[in-house]
All heavy atoms as atom14 arrays in JSON, in Angstrom:
{
  "sequence": "IGDPHVLSTALSFSTGPIETLETYDGASVEVEELEAVQITSVR",
  "atom14_mask": [
    [1, 1, 1, 1, 1, 1, 1, 1, 0, 0, 0, 0, 0, 0],
    [1, 1, 1, 1, 0, 0, 0, 0, 0, 0, 0, 0, 0, 0],
    [1, 1, 1, 1, 1, 1, 1, 1, 0, 0, 0, 0, 0, 0],
    [1, 1, 1, 1, 1, 1, 1, 0, 0, 0, 0, 0, 0, 0],
    [1, 1, 1, 1, 1, 1, 1, 1, 1, 1, 0, 0, 0, 0],
    [1, 1, 1, 1, 1, 1, 1, 0, 0, 0, 0, 0, 0, 0],
    [1, 1, 1, 1, 1, 1, 1, 1, 0, 0, 0, 0, 0, 0],
    [1, 1, 1, 1, 1, 1, 0, 0, 0, 0, 0, 0, 0, 0],
    [1, 1, 1, 1, 1, 1, 1, 0, 0, 0, 0, 0, 0, 0],
    [1, 1, 1, 1, 1, 0, 0, 0, 0, 0, 0, 0, 0, 0],
    [1, 1, 1, 1, 1, 1, 1, 1, 0, 0, 0, 0, 0, 0],
    [1, 1, 1, 1, 1, 1, 0, 0, 0, 0, 0, 0, 0, 0],
    [1, 1, 1, 1, 1, 1, 1, 1, 1, 1, 1, 0, 0, 0],
    [1, 1, 1, 1, 1, 1, 0, 0, 0, 0, 0, 0, 0, 0],
    [1, 1, 1, 1, 1, 1, 1, 0, 0, 0, 0, 0, 0, 0],
    [1, 1, 1, 1, 0, 0, 0, 0, 0, 0, 0, 0, 0, 0],
    [1, 1, 1, 1, 1, 1, 1, 0, 0, 0, 0, 0, 0, 0],
    [1, 1, 1, 1, 1, 1, 1, 1, 0, 0, 0, 0, 0, 0],
    [1, 1, 1, 1, 1, 1, 1, 1, 1, 0, 0, 0, 0, 0],
    [1, 1, 1, 1, 1, 1, 1, 0, 0, 0, 0, 0, 0, 0],
    [1, 1, 1, 1, 1, 1, 1, 1, 0, 0, 0, 0, 0, 0],
    [1, 1, 1, 1, 1, 1, 1, 1, 1, 0, 0, 0, 0, 0],
    [1, 1, 1, 1, 1, 1, 1, 0, 0, 0, 0, 0, 0, 0],
    [1, 1, 1, 1, 1, 1, 1, 1, 1, 1, 1, 1, 0, 0],
    [1, 1, 1, 1, 1, 1, 1, 1, 0, 0, 0, 0, 0, 0],
    [1, 1, 1, 1, 0, 0, 0, 0, 0, 0, 0, 0, 0, 0],
    [1, 1, 1, 1, 1, 0, 0, 0, 0, 0, 0, 0, 0, 0],
    [1, 1, 1, 1, 1, 1, 0, 0, 0, 0, 0, 0, 0, 0],
    [1, 1, 1, 1, 1, 1, 1, 0, 0, 0, 0, 0, 0, 0],
    [1, 1, 1, 1, 1, 1, 1, 1, 1, 0, 0, 0, 0, 0],
    [1, 1, 1, 1, 1, 1, 1, 0, 0, 0, 0, 0, 0, 0],
    [1, 1, 1, 1, 1, 1, 1, 1, 1, 0, 0, 0, 0, 0],
    [1, 1, 1, 1, 1, 1, 1, 1, 1, 0, 0, 0, 0, 0],
    [1, 1, 1, 1, 1, 1, 1, 1, 0, 0, 0, 0, 0, 0],
    [1, 1, 1, 1, 1, 1, 1, 1, 1, 0, 0, 0, 0, 0],
    [1, 1, 1, 1, 1, 0, 0, 0, 0, 0, 0, 0, 0, 0],
    [1, 1, 1, 1, 1, 1, 1, 0, 0, 0, 0, 0, 0, 0],
    [1, 1, 1, 1, 1, 1, 1, 1, 1, 0, 0, 0, 0, 0],
    [1, 1, 1, 1, 1, 1, 1, 1, 0, 0, 0, 0, 0, 0],
    [1, 1, 1, 1, 1, 1, 1, 0, 0, 0, 0, 0, 0, 0],
    [1, 1, 1, 1, 1, 1, 0, 0, 0, 0, 0, 0, 0, 0],
    [1, 1, 1, 1, 1, 1, 1, 0, 0, 0, 0, 0, 0, 0],
    [1, 1, 1, 1, 1, 1, 1, 1, 1, 1, 1, 0, 0, 0]
  ],
  "atom14_positions": [
    [[-9.98, -3.02, 10.3], [-10.36, -3.3, 11.72], [-10.47, -4.81, 11.89], [-11.08, -5.55, 11.14], [-11.64, -2.57, 12.15], [-11.4, -1.11, 12.17], [-12.13, -3.1, 13.57], [-12.59, -0.26, 12.56], [0.0, 0.0, 0.0], [0.0, 0.0, 0.0], [0.0, 0.0, 0.0], [0.0, 0.0, 0.0], [0.0, 0.0, 0.0], [0.0, 0.0, 0.0]],
    [[-9.69, -5.35, 12.88], [-9.71, -6.76, 13.23], [-8.61, -6.96, 14.15], [-7.99, -6.03, 14.68], [0.0, 0.0, 0.0], [0.0, 0.0, 0.0], [0.0, 0.0, 0.0], [0.0, 0.0, 0.0], [0.0, 0.0, 0.0], [0.0, 0.0, 0.0], [0.0, 0.0, 0.0], [0.0, 0.0, 0.0], [0.0, 0.0, 0.0], [0.0, 0.0, 0.0]],
    [[-8.17, -8.18, 14.39], [-7.13, -8.55, 15.28], [-5.81, -8.14, 14.62], [-5.45, -8.69, 13.63], [-7.15, -9.99, 15.61], [-5.97, -10.51, 16.5], [-4.77, -10.14, 16.22], [-6.26, -11.12, 17.5], [0.0, 0.0, 0.0], [0.0, 0.0, 0.0], [0.0, 0.0, 0.0], [0.0, 0.0, 0.0], [0.0, 0.0, 0.0], [0.0, 0.0, 0.0]],
    [[-5.08, -7.18, 15.08], [-3.9, -6.67, 14.41], [-2.8, -7.65, 14.12], [-2.32, -7.76, 13.01], [-3.33, -5.57, 15.34], [-4.46, -5.15, 16.27], [-5.34, -6.42, 16.42], [0.0, 0.0, 0.0], [0.0, 0.0, 0.0], [0.0, 0.0, 0.0], [0.0, 0.0, 0.0], [0.0, 0.0, 0.0], [0.0, 0.0, 0.0], [0.0, 0.0, 0.0]],
    [[-2.54, -8.55, 15.04], [-1.56, -9.56, 14.83], [-1.97, -10.56, 13.68], [-1.21, -10.89, 12.83], [-1.2, -10.33, 16.08], [-0.11, -11.34, 15.96], [1.19, -11.09, 15.61], [-0.21, -12.76, 15.93], [1.88, -12.18, 15.51], [1.01, -13.24, 15.63], [0.0, 0.0, 0.0], [0.0, 0.0, 0.0], [0.0, 0.0, 0.0], [0.0, 0.0, 0.0]],
    [[-3.19, -10.99, 13.78], [-3.79, -12.04, 12.87], [-3.78, -11.37, 11.39], [-3.29, -11.98, 10.45], [-5.14, -12.47, 13.22], [-5.76, -13.32, 12.12], [-5.1, -13.32, 14.52], [0.0, 0.0, 0.0], [0.0, 0.0, 0.0], [0.0, 0.0, 0.0], [0.0, 0.0, 0.0], [0.0, 0.0, 0.0], [0.0, 0.0, 0.0], [0.0, 0.0, 0.0]],
    [[-4.12, -10.03, 11.3], [-4.23, -9.37, 10.04], [-2.84, -9.26, 9.43], [-2.65, -9.52, 8.29], [-4.91, -8.08, 10.19], [-6.41, -8.05, 10.63], [-6.9, -6.68, 10.88], [-7.23, -8.78, 9.52], [0.0, 0.0, 0.0], [0.0, 0.0, 0.0], [0.0, 0.0, 0.0], [0.0, 0.0, 0.0], [0.0, 0.0, 0.0], [0.0, 0.0, 0.0]],
    [[-1.83, -8.81, 10.22], [-0.48, -8.66, 9.65], [0.08, -9.89, 9.29], [0.86, -10.03, 8.35], [0.33, -7.81, 10.65], [0.56, -8.43, 11.85], [0.0, 0.0, 0.0], [0.0, 0.0, 0.0], [0.0, 0.0, 0.0], [0.0, 0.0, 0.0], [0.0, 0.0, 0.0], [0.0, 0.0, 0.0], [0.0, 0.0, 0.0], [0.0, 0.0, 0.0]],
    [[-0.13, -11.01, 10.09], [0.39, -12.32, 9.73], [-0.26, -12.81, 8.42], [0.48, -13.33, 7.6], [0.08, -13.38, 10.77], [0.62, -12.87, 12.09], [0.53, -14.67, 10.56], [0.0, 0.0, 0.0], [0.0, 0.0, 0.0], [0.0, 0.0, 0.0], [0.0, 0.0, 0.0], [0.0, 0.0, 0.0], [0.0, 0.0, 0.0], [0.0, 0.0, 0.0]],
    [[-1.46, -12.52, 8.13], [-2.17, -12.99, 6.94], [-1.51, -12.34, 5.69], [-1.72, -12.76, 4.56], [-3.67, -12.58, 6.96], [0.0, 0.0, 0.0], [0.0, 0.0, 0.0], [0.0, 0.0, 0.0], [0.0, 0.0, 0.0], [0.0, 0.0, 0.0], [0.0, 0.0, 0.0], [0.0, 0.0, 0.0], [0.0, 0.0, 0.0], [0.0, 0.0, 0.0]],
    [[-0.94, -11.07, 5.81], [-0.29, -10.42, 4.7], [1.08, -10.87, 4.47], [1.71, -10.63, 3.39], [-0.29, -8.9, 4.95], [-1.71, -8.29, 4.96], [-1.59, -6.78, 5.43], [-2.49, -8.44, 3.79], [0.0, 0.0, 0.0], [0.0, 0.0, 0.0], [0.0, 0.0, 0.0], [0.0, 0.0, 0.0], [0.0, 0.0, 0.0], [0.0, 0.0, 0.0]],
    [[1.82, -11.31, 5.49], [3.26, -11.45, 5.49], [3.79, -12.95, 5.25], [4.97, -13.21, 5.19], [3.95, -10.85, 6.66], [3.39, -11.43, 7.85], [0.0, 0.0, 0.0], [0.0, 0.0, 0.0], [0.0, 0.0, 0.0], [0.0, 0.0, 0.0], [0.0, 0.0, 0.0], [0.0, 0.0, 0.0], [0.0, 0.0, 0.0], [0.0, 0.0, 0.0]],
    [[2.89, -13.92, 5.2], [3.42, -15.23, 4.95], [4.08, -15.4, 3.58], [3.9, -14.59, 2.63], [2.24, -16.28, 5.06], [1.22, -16.26, 4.0], [1.33, -16.95, 2.8], [0.14, -15.4, 4.18], [0.36, -16.98, 1.85], [-0.87, -15.33, 3.14], [-0.71, -16.07, 2.01], [0.0, 0.0, 0.0], [0.0, 0.0, 0.0], [0.0, 0.0, 0.0]],
    [[4.91, -16.38, 3.42], [5.7, -16.66, 2.21], [4.72, -16.72, 1.07], [3.74, -17.44, 1.08], [6.55, -17.89, 2.35], [7.33, -17.99, 1.15], [0.0, 0.0, 0.0], [0.0, 0.0, 0.0], [0.0, 0.0, 0.0], [0.0, 0.0, 0.0], [0.0, 0.0, 0.0], [0.0, 0.0, 0.0], [0.0, 0.0, 0.0], [0.0, 0.0, 0.0]],
    [[4.98, -16.06, -0.12], [4.15, -15.95, -1.26], [2.82, -15.33, -1.03], [1.94, -15.4, -1.92], [3.95, -17.36, -1.98], [3.02, -18.06, -1.15], [5.18, -18.04, -2.17], [0.0, 0.0, 0.0], [0.0, 0.0, 0.0], [0.0, 0.0, 0.0], [0.0, 0.0, 0.0], [0.0, 0.0, 0.0], [0.0, 0.0, 0.0], [0.0, 0.0, 0.0]],
    [[2.74, -14.64, 0.06], [1.45, -13.89, 0.44], [1.48, -12.45, -0.27], [2.31, -12.19, -1.1], [0.0, 0.0, 0.0], [0.0, 0.0, 0.0], [0.0, 0.0, 0.0], [0.0, 0.0, 0.0], [0.0, 0.0, 0.0], [0.0, 0.0, 0.0], [0.0, 0.0, 0.0], [0.0, 0.0, 0.0], [0.0, 0.0, 0.0], [0.0, 0.0, 0.0]],
    [[0.41, -11.64, 0.06], [0.27, -10.38, -0.55], [1.42, -9.39, -0.51], [1.79, -8.82, -1.51], [-1.02, -9.71, 0.3], [-1.69, -11.01, 0.77], [-0.63, -11.98, 1.07], [0.0, 0.0, 0.0], [0.0, 0.0, 0.0], [0.0, 0.0, 0.0], [0.0, 0.0, 0.0], [0.0, 0.0, 0.0], [0.0, 0.0, 0.0], [0.0, 0.0, 0.0]],
    [[2.08, -9.39, 0.62], [3.27, -8.37, 0.67], [4.38, -8.91, -0.24], [4.89, -8.04, -1.08], [3.85, -8.32, 2.09], [2.84, -7.6, 2.97], [5.11, -7.6, 2.09], [3.19, -7.47, 4.4], [0.0, 0.0, 0.0], [0.0, 0.0, 0.0], [0.0, 0.0, 0.0], [0.0, 0.0, 0.0], [0.0, 0.0, 0.0], [0.0, 0.0, 0.0]],
    [[4.75, -10.17, -0.24], [5.71, -10.66, -1.16], [5.24, -10.49, -2.67], [6.1, -10.06, -3.43], [6.04, -12.17, -0.88], [7.22, -12.66, -1.62], [7.61, -14.1, -1.2], [7.72, -14.35, -0.01], [7.62, -14.96, -2.08], [0.0, 0.0, 0.0], [0.0, 0.0, 0.0], [0.0, 0.0, 0.0], [0.0, 0.0, 0.0], [0.0, 0.0, 0.0]],
    [[4.08, -10.71, -2.99], [3.62, -10.47, -4.38], [3.78, -9.01, -4.75], [4.3, -8.74, -5.82], [2.19, -10.97, -4.44], [2.03, -12.38, -4.13], [1.58, -10.68, -5.83], [0.0, 0.0, 0.0], [0.0, 0.0, 0.0], [0.0, 0.0, 0.0], [0.0, 0.0, 0.0], [0.0, 0.0, 0.0], [0.0, 0.0, 0.0], [0.0, 0.0, 0.0]],
    [[3.21, -8.11, -3.87], [3.36, -6.71, -4.21], [4.82, -6.26, -4.39], [5.1, -5.49, -5.25], [2.6, -5.91, -3.1], [1.12, -5.92, -3.16], [0.52, -5.47, -1.74], [0.51, -4.97, -4.2], [0.0, 0.0, 0.0], [0.0, 0.0, 0.0], [0.0, 0.0, 0.0], [0.0, 0.0, 0.0], [0.0, 0.0, 0.0], [0.0, 0.0, 0.0]],
    [[5.66, -6.74, -3.5], [6.97, -6.19, -3.59], [7.78, -6.89, -4.68], [8.5, -6.23, -5.47], [7.75, -6.51, -2.26], [7.26, -5.62, -1.18], [7.85, -5.83, 0.25], [8.56, -6.91, 0.45], [7.69, -4.94, 1.11], [0.0, 0.0, 0.0], [0.0, 0.0, 0.0], [0.0, 0.0, 0.0], [0.0, 0.0, 0.0], [0.0, 0.0, 0.0]],
    [[7.58, -8.21, -4.99], [8.39, -8.95, -5.97], [7.88, -8.68, -7.41], [8.62, -8.36, -8.24], [8.35, -10.41, -5.67], [8.7, -10.56, -4.27], [9.17, -11.22, -6.61], [0.0, 0.0, 0.0], [0.0, 0.0, 0.0], [0.0, 0.0, 0.0], [0.0, 0.0, 0.0], [0.0, 0.0, 0.0], [0.0, 0.0, 0.0], [0.0, 0.0, 0.0]],
    [[6.52, -8.78, -7.58], [6.02, -8.66, -8.95], [5.58, -7.29, -9.37], [5.53, -6.96, -10.47], [4.84, -9.64, -9.11], [5.31, -11.03, -8.89], [4.98, -11.8, -7.74], [6.01, -11.77, -9.93], [5.46, -13.09, -7.54], [6.46, -13.02, -9.68], [6.14, -13.73, -8.56], [6.63, -14.99, -8.41], [0.0, 0.0, 0.0], [0.0, 0.0, 0.0]],
    [[5.17, -6.48, -8.3], [4.64, -5.15, -8.67], [5.57, -4.06, -8.36], [5.36, -2.9, -8.64], [3.35, -4.84, -7.85], [2.25, -5.82, -8.26], [2.42, -6.64, -9.22], [1.08, -5.75, -7.75], [0.0, 0.0, 0.0], [0.0, 0.0, 0.0], [0.0, 0.0, 0.0], [0.0, 0.0, 0.0], [0.0, 0.0, 0.0], [0.0, 0.0, 0.0]],
    [[6.71, -4.38, -7.82], [7.79, -3.44, -7.46], [7.3, -2.37, -6.36], [7.99, -1.33, -6.39], [0.0, 0.0, 0.0], [0.0, 0.0, 0.0], [0.0, 0.0, 0.0], [0.0, 0.0, 0.0], [0.0, 0.0, 0.0], [0.0, 0.0, 0.0], [0.0, 0.0, 0.0], [0.0, 0.0, 0.0], [0.0, 0.0, 0.0], [0.0, 0.0, 0.0]],
    [[6.41, -2.73, -5.65], [5.89, -1.77, -4.5], [6.59, -1.92, -3.29], [7.18, -3.0, -3.07], [4.42, -1.96, -4.37], [0.0, 0.0, 0.0], [0.0, 0.0, 0.0], [0.0, 0.0, 0.0], [0.0, 0.0, 0.0], [0.0, 0.0, 0.0], [0.0, 0.0, 0.0], [0.0, 0.0, 0.0], [0.0, 0.0, 0.0], [0.0, 0.0, 0.0]],
    [[6.56, -0.96, -2.43], [7.02, -1.18, -1.04], [5.73, -1.2, -0.19], [4.67, -0.43, -0.48], [7.96, 0.03, -0.64], [7.36, 1.24, -0.65], [0.0, 0.0, 0.0], [0.0, 0.0, 0.0], [0.0, 0.0, 0.0], [0.0, 0.0, 0.0], [0.0, 0.0, 0.0], [0.0, 0.0, 0.0], [0.0, 0.0, 0.0], [0.0, 0.0, 0.0]],
    [[5.72, -2.1, 0.73], [4.53, -2.27, 1.63], [5.03, -2.11, 3.09], [5.93, -2.69, 3.59], [3.99, -3.65, 1.39], [2.72, -3.86, 2.27], [3.65, -3.9, 0.0], [0.0, 0.0, 0.0], [0.0, 0.0, 0.0], [0.0, 0.0, 0.0], [0.0, 0.0, 0.0], [0.0, 0.0, 0.0], [0.0, 0.0, 0.0], [0.0, 0.0, 0.0]],
    [[4.17, -1.19, 3.83], [4.4, -1.03, 5.2], [3.17, -1.45, 5.94], [2.05, -1.01, 5.56], [4.75, 0.4, 5.57], [4.99, 0.74, 7.0], [5.13, 2.18, 7.25], [5.19, 2.99, 6.31], [5.23, 2.61, 8.43], [0.0, 0.0, 0.0], [0.0, 0.0, 0.0], [0.0, 0.0, 0.0], [0.0, 0.0, 0.0], [0.0, 0.0, 0.0]],
    [[3.25, -2.22, 6.98], [2.11, -2.66, 7.83], [2.29, -2.18, 9.17], [3.35, -2.52, 9.83], [1.91, -4.17, 7.76], [0.7, -4.6, 8.65], [1.78, -4.7, 6.35], [0.0, 0.0, 0.0], [0.0, 0.0, 0.0], [0.0, 0.0, 0.0], [0.0, 0.0, 0.0], [0.0, 0.0, 0.0], [0.0, 0.0, 0.0], [0.0, 0.0, 0.0]],
    [[1.32, -1.43, 9.72], [1.41, -0.9, 11.13], [0.25, -1.62, 11.81], [-0.87, -1.49, 11.5], [1.25, 0.61, 11.17], [2.17, 1.41, 10.36], [1.69, 2.79, 10.27], [1.94, 3.65, 11.12], [1.11, 3.11, 9.11], [0.0, 0.0, 0.0], [0.0, 0.0, 0.0], [0.0, 0.0, 0.0], [0.0, 0.0, 0.0], [0.0, 0.0, 0.0]],
    [[0.57, -2.18, 13.0], [-0.47, -2.73, 13.96], [-0.86, -1.66, 14.84], [-0.03, -0.89, 15.46], [0.11, -3.91, 14.64], [0.4, -5.06, 13.8], [0.66, -6.34, 14.63], [0.45, -6.5, 15.84], [1.34, -7.22, 14.02], [0.0, 0.0, 0.0], [0.0, 0.0, 0.0], [0.0, 0.0, 0.0], [0.0, 0.0, 0.0], [0.0, 0.0, 0.0]],
    [[-2.17, -1.27, 14.85], [-2.65, -0.15, 15.71], [-3.64, -0.51, 16.74], [-4.48, -1.48, 16.51], [-3.28, 0.83, 14.66], [-2.31, 1.36, 13.53], [-3.12, 2.17, 12.54], [-1.27, 2.28, 14.1], [0.0, 0.0, 0.0], [0.0, 0.0, 0.0], [0.0, 0.0, 0.0], [0.0, 0.0, 0.0], [0.0, 0.0, 0.0], [0.0, 0.0, 0.0]],
    [[-3.67, 0.17, 17.82], [-4.73, -0.1, 18.81], [-6.06, 0.49, 18.43], [-7.06, -0.02, 18.9], [-4.26, 0.56, 20.17], [-3.1, -0.2, 20.86], [-2.66, 0.51, 22.14], [-3.51, 1.14, 22.73], [-1.47, 0.28, 22.53], [0.0, 0.0, 0.0], [0.0, 0.0, 0.0], [0.0, 0.0, 0.0], [0.0, 0.0, 0.0], [0.0, 0.0, 0.0]],
    [[-6.02, 1.6, 17.61], [-7.23, 2.21, 17.25], [-7.16, 2.66, 15.8], [-6.31, 3.43, 15.41], [-7.61, 3.41, 18.08], [0.0, 0.0, 0.0], [0.0, 0.0, 0.0], [0.0, 0.0, 0.0], [0.0, 0.0, 0.0], [0.0, 0.0, 0.0], [0.0, 0.0, 0.0], [0.0, 0.0, 0.0], [0.0, 0.0, 0.0], [0.0, 0.0, 0.0]],
    [[-8.11, 2.07, 15.03], [-8.19, 2.47, 13.59], [-9.63, 3.14, 13.46], [-10.57, 2.58, 13.93], [-8.09, 1.25, 12.65], [-8.48, 1.59, 11.21], [-6.75, 0.61, 12.7], [0.0, 0.0, 0.0], [0.0, 0.0, 0.0], [0.0, 0.0, 0.0], [0.0, 0.0, 0.0], [0.0, 0.0, 0.0], [0.0, 0.0, 0.0], [0.0, 0.0, 0.0]],
    [[-9.73, 4.33, 12.76], [-10.98, 4.89, 12.63], [-11.35, 4.84, 11.12], [-10.69, 5.25, 10.34], [-10.98, 6.36, 13.12], [-10.91, 6.48, 14.58], [-11.18, 7.87, 15.0], [-10.87, 8.89, 14.37], [-11.94, 8.02, 16.26], [0.0, 0.0, 0.0], [0.0, 0.0, 0.0], [0.0, 0.0, 0.0], [0.0, 0.0, 0.0], [0.0, 0.0, 0.0]],
    [[-12.51, 4.27, 10.93], [-12.99, 4.21, 9.5], [-14.3, 5.08, 9.48], [-15.23, 4.75, 10.15], [-13.34, 2.74, 9.07], [-11.87, 2.05, 9.03], [-13.96, 2.7, 7.71], [-11.97, 0.54, 8.69], [0.0, 0.0, 0.0], [0.0, 0.0, 0.0], [0.0, 0.0, 0.0], [0.0, 0.0, 0.0], [0.0, 0.0, 0.0], [0.0, 0.0, 0.0]],
    [[-14.26, 6.19, 8.81], [-15.35, 7.12, 8.83], [-16.19, 7.0, 7.55], [-17.35, 7.48, 7.57], [-14.88, 8.54, 9.02], [-13.85, 8.88, 7.97], [-14.18, 8.69, 10.38], [0.0, 0.0, 0.0], [0.0, 0.0, 0.0], [0.0, 0.0, 0.0], [0.0, 0.0, 0.0], [0.0, 0.0, 0.0], [0.0, 0.0, 0.0], [0.0, 0.0, 0.0]],
    [[-15.66, 6.55, 6.42], [-16.45, 6.53, 5.17], [-17.49, 5.45, 5.31], [-17.39, 4.51, 6.08], [-15.55, 6.25, 3.96], [-15.01, 4.96, 4.09], [0.0, 0.0, 0.0], [0.0, 0.0, 0.0], [0.0, 0.0, 0.0], [0.0, 0.0, 0.0], [0.0, 0.0, 0.0], [0.0, 0.0, 0.0], [0.0, 0.0, 0.0], [0.0, 0.0, 0.0]],
    [[-18.63, 5.71, 4.66], [-19.8, 4.72, 4.68], [-20.27, 4.49, 3.27], [-19.89, 5.19, 2.34], [-20.94, 5.24, 5.48], [-20.52, 5.33, 6.97], [-21.46, 6.61, 4.98], [0.0, 0.0, 0.0], [0.0, 0.0, 0.0], [0.0, 0.0, 0.0], [0.0, 0.0, 0.0], [0.0, 0.0, 0.0], [0.0, 0.0, 0.0], [0.0, 0.0, 0.0]],
    [[-20.96, 3.29, 3.07], [-21.44, 2.96, 1.77], [-22.93, 3.33, 1.69], [-23.51, 3.36, 2.74], [-21.3, 1.41, 1.52], [-19.8, 0.94, 1.59], [-19.66, -0.6, 1.39], [-20.23, -0.94, 0.09], [-19.61, -1.0, -1.05], [-18.41, -0.35, -1.17], [-20.19, -1.35, -2.13], [0.0, 0.0, 0.0], [0.0, 0.0, 0.0], [0.0, 0.0, 0.0]]
  ]
}
């Protein structure tokens, strides 16, 4: 939960988390910007 555009930008800059996950870990990463995210688990 946070500003969707700011959060997705923080992940997708060059040498950022998405590039690292895809290049070094061989993962595929999908980022969806959502109007409503529900977080129900608690600590």
